[in-house]
Protein backbone atom coordinates (compact mmCIF):
# COMPACT_ATOMS: atom_id res chain seq x y z
CA MET A 1 -25.96 -25.65 -3.16
CA GLN A 2 -22.77 -27.29 -4.39
CA ALA A 3 -19.70 -26.79 -2.23
CA LEU A 4 -16.33 -26.43 -3.92
CA HIS A 5 -13.11 -27.73 -2.47
CA ARG A 6 -10.91 -25.54 -4.63
CA PRO A 7 -11.62 -22.05 -5.98
CA PRO A 8 -13.40 -21.89 -9.34
CA SER A 9 -11.74 -20.27 -12.33
CA GLY A 10 -15.02 -19.03 -13.75
CA TRP A 11 -18.18 -17.53 -12.30
CA PRO A 12 -17.66 -13.85 -12.95
CA ALA A 13 -20.26 -11.43 -11.60
CA LEU A 14 -22.06 -8.78 -13.62
CA VAL A 15 -21.31 -5.41 -12.01
CA LEU A 16 -24.11 -2.85 -11.93
CA ASN A 17 -23.86 0.77 -10.93
CA ALA A 18 -25.92 1.92 -7.94
CA ASP A 19 -28.76 2.68 -10.40
CA PHE A 20 -28.80 -1.01 -11.45
CA ARG A 21 -27.40 -0.37 -14.93
CA PRO A 22 -24.20 -2.08 -16.09
CA LEU A 23 -21.06 0.00 -15.65
CA SER A 24 -20.29 -0.80 -19.29
CA TYR A 25 -21.69 -2.92 -22.08
CA TYR A 26 -18.58 -3.38 -24.18
CA PRO A 27 -16.57 -4.72 -22.66
CA LEU A 28 -19.28 -6.00 -20.37
CA SER A 29 -18.66 -4.95 -16.76
CA ILE A 30 -17.84 -8.22 -15.06
CA TRP A 31 -15.47 -8.93 -12.21
CA PRO A 32 -13.70 -12.20 -11.38
CA TRP A 33 -15.15 -14.02 -8.41
CA GLU A 34 -12.13 -13.18 -6.22
CA ASP A 35 -12.71 -9.42 -6.60
CA VAL A 36 -16.43 -9.89 -6.00
CA VAL A 37 -15.87 -11.81 -2.75
CA LYS A 38 -13.49 -9.09 -1.56
CA ALA A 39 -16.02 -6.33 -2.41
CA VAL A 40 -18.80 -8.22 -0.60
CA TYR A 41 -16.59 -8.71 2.46
CA GLN A 42 -15.70 -4.98 2.45
CA ASP A 43 -19.42 -4.12 2.13
CA ARG A 44 -18.88 -2.06 -1.06
CA VAL A 45 -21.56 -3.91 -3.07
CA ASP A 46 -25.00 -5.42 -2.69
CA VAL A 47 -25.51 -8.98 -3.89
CA ILE A 48 -28.43 -9.10 -6.31
CA SER A 49 -28.22 -12.70 -7.56
CA THR A 50 -26.05 -15.74 -6.85
CA TYR A 51 -24.76 -18.90 -8.48
CA ASP A 52 -25.31 -22.33 -6.96
CA LYS A 53 -21.67 -22.38 -5.87
CA VAL A 54 -20.09 -21.85 -2.48
CA VAL A 55 -16.52 -20.93 -1.56
CA ARG A 56 -15.15 -21.41 1.91
CA SER A 57 -12.30 -20.11 3.97
CA PRO A 58 -11.43 -21.38 7.45
CA SER A 59 -13.61 -18.66 8.99
CA MET A 60 -16.43 -18.07 6.52
CA GLU A 61 -18.54 -19.38 3.68
CA ILE A 62 -19.99 -17.35 0.82
CA VAL A 63 -22.36 -18.18 -2.02
CA LEU A 64 -20.76 -16.78 -5.17
CA PRO A 65 -22.61 -13.73 -6.46
CA SER A 66 -23.58 -13.64 -10.14
CA VAL A 67 -24.91 -10.05 -10.11
CA ILE A 68 -23.75 -7.27 -7.81
CA ALA A 69 -24.57 -3.57 -7.54
CA LEU A 70 -22.19 -0.91 -6.29
CA LYS A 71 -23.35 0.88 -3.16
CA SER A 72 -21.87 4.18 -4.37
CA TYR A 73 -22.88 5.58 -7.75
CA VAL A 74 -20.06 5.94 -10.30
CA ASP A 75 -20.61 8.97 -12.53
CA GLN A 76 -20.80 7.80 -16.15
CA ASP A 77 -20.82 11.28 -17.66
CA ARG A 78 -17.08 11.57 -18.06
CA GLN A 79 -15.17 11.92 -21.30
CA PRO A 80 -14.16 8.50 -22.66
CA ALA A 81 -10.47 7.75 -23.02
CA PHE A 82 -9.03 8.19 -26.50
CA THR A 83 -7.89 4.62 -27.14
CA ARG A 84 -7.65 2.38 -30.18
CA PHE A 85 -10.39 0.16 -28.73
CA ASN A 86 -12.77 3.11 -28.21
CA VAL A 87 -12.12 4.36 -31.77
CA PHE A 88 -12.98 0.88 -33.09
CA LEU A 89 -16.07 0.77 -30.86
CA ARG A 90 -17.22 4.22 -32.04
CA ASP A 91 -16.79 3.08 -35.65
CA GLY A 92 -18.61 -0.22 -35.10
CA PHE A 93 -15.47 -2.31 -35.63
CA THR A 94 -15.67 -1.60 -39.37
CA CYS A 95 -13.44 0.18 -41.86
CA GLN A 96 -14.83 3.66 -42.41
CA TYR A 97 -13.81 3.49 -46.08
CA CYS A 98 -15.04 0.07 -47.27
CA GLY A 99 -17.01 -1.43 -44.35
CA ALA A 100 -14.70 -4.43 -43.83
CA SER A 101 -14.20 -5.72 -40.29
CA ALA A 102 -10.92 -7.64 -40.71
CA GLU A 103 -7.36 -6.37 -40.29
CA LEU A 104 -8.45 -3.16 -38.56
CA THR A 105 -6.01 -0.40 -37.81
CA PHE A 106 -6.61 3.34 -37.56
CA ASP A 107 -6.08 6.07 -40.10
CA HIS A 108 -5.43 9.79 -39.85
CA VAL A 109 -8.10 11.41 -42.07
CA VAL A 110 -5.80 14.38 -42.62
CA PRO A 111 -2.38 12.69 -42.71
CA ARG A 112 0.17 13.69 -40.11
CA SER A 113 2.50 14.67 -42.96
CA ARG A 114 -0.09 17.34 -43.84
CA GLY A 115 -0.52 18.60 -40.27
CA GLY A 116 -3.21 16.13 -39.17
CA ARG A 117 -3.33 15.42 -35.47
CA THR A 118 -4.07 12.26 -33.52
CA THR A 119 -7.47 13.27 -32.16
CA TRP A 120 -11.00 11.86 -32.05
CA GLU A 121 -11.93 14.20 -34.90
CA ASN A 122 -9.10 13.04 -37.21
CA ILE A 123 -8.86 9.27 -36.59
CA VAL A 124 -11.06 6.56 -38.10
CA ALA A 125 -10.98 2.76 -38.07
CA ALA A 126 -9.59 1.49 -41.37
CA CYS A 127 -8.69 -1.93 -42.71
CA SER A 128 -5.05 -2.38 -43.66
CA PRO A 129 -5.73 -2.49 -47.45
CA CYS A 130 -7.68 0.80 -47.37
CA ASN A 131 -5.11 2.43 -45.10
CA LEU A 132 -2.36 1.44 -47.54
CA ARG A 133 -4.39 2.55 -50.57
CA LYS A 134 -5.14 5.95 -49.03
CA GLY A 135 -1.51 6.47 -48.04
CA GLY A 136 -0.52 10.06 -47.27
CA ARG A 137 -3.52 11.58 -49.04
CA THR A 138 -6.81 12.95 -47.78
CA PRO A 139 -9.94 10.86 -48.44
CA ASP A 140 -10.96 13.30 -51.22
CA GLN A 141 -7.57 13.06 -52.91
CA ALA A 142 -7.69 9.26 -52.71
CA GLY A 143 -11.32 9.05 -53.90
CA MET A 144 -12.28 7.24 -50.68
CA PRO A 145 -15.27 8.87 -48.98
CA ILE A 146 -15.65 8.30 -45.23
CA ARG A 147 -18.83 6.47 -44.23
CA ARG A 148 -19.21 8.36 -40.94
CA ALA A 149 -17.33 11.53 -39.97
CA PRO A 150 -15.03 11.06 -37.00
CA HIS A 151 -16.15 12.75 -33.79
CA ARG A 152 -15.54 12.70 -30.05
CA PRO A 153 -18.18 10.36 -28.61
CA SER A 154 -19.69 10.82 -25.19
CA ALA A 155 -19.50 7.98 -22.66
CA TRP A 156 -23.24 7.44 -23.23
CA GLN A 157 -22.70 7.07 -27.00
CA LEU A 158 -19.96 4.49 -26.46
CA GLN A 159 -22.30 2.58 -24.15
CA GLU A 160 -24.97 2.62 -26.87
CA PHE A 161 -22.45 1.45 -29.48
CA GLY A 162 -21.37 -1.32 -27.10
CA ARG A 163 -24.93 -2.60 -26.76
CA LYS A 164 -24.69 -3.69 -30.42
CA PHE A 165 -22.06 -6.28 -29.48
CA PRO A 166 -23.38 -8.68 -26.84
CA PRO A 167 -20.78 -11.15 -25.57
CA HIS A 168 -20.94 -14.81 -26.55
CA TYR A 169 -21.79 -15.85 -23.01
CA LEU A 170 -24.51 -14.37 -20.83
CA HIS A 171 -25.51 -16.02 -17.58
CA GLN A 172 -29.29 -16.31 -17.13
CA SER A 173 -29.19 -14.20 -13.94
CA TRP A 174 -27.71 -11.27 -15.91
CA LEU A 175 -30.44 -10.96 -18.53
CA ASP A 176 -32.83 -8.78 -16.50
CA TYR A 177 -30.11 -6.10 -16.27
CA LEU A 178 -28.88 -6.12 -19.86
CA TYR A 179 -30.76 -4.49 -22.67
CA TRP A 180 -29.59 -5.87 -25.99
CA ASP A 181 -31.90 -6.45 -28.89
CA ILE A 182 -32.37 -10.13 -28.13
CA GLU A 183 -35.47 -12.12 -28.80
CA LEU A 184 -37.52 -12.74 -25.68
CA GLU A 185 -38.89 -16.16 -24.94
CA PRO A 186 -42.72 -16.43 -24.96
């Protein structure tokens, strides 16, 4: 094990629920090492896997965890927050009019000027050019059909959508707990 003389800036830990599933896939549920050490010290988590790194204080030494599991189950069956990020996630980070993934914003399907509300059922991800082209019209009036009707997703659906977007970095110790469609080594 390699001892460190100053705290590392990296080495986040994958956080699993008490059922050993990630709290979230997108963004991936990871905590900075400082929060992980505090949770271990407070006995709120079980250490599942560790890095080959040690941090020390004057009174203790701890091997940095790479995977932790909460001791208390966090209910995942709650309604997801209505945020721009979650709308983009629900819509696969693509414009619901043309399929582009650049310059995303959101669009009111029924414009606010026509009584449309800012709700899950009336907001879609849209690229700036499509949003401008549609203007204050409905998709039918603008001749711009929606690829997928807007709806209120469940937390489970957002998790499933998030699994389509694995992060660029995955530590080897995390792979047994993540279920993306990645090719397995023979």
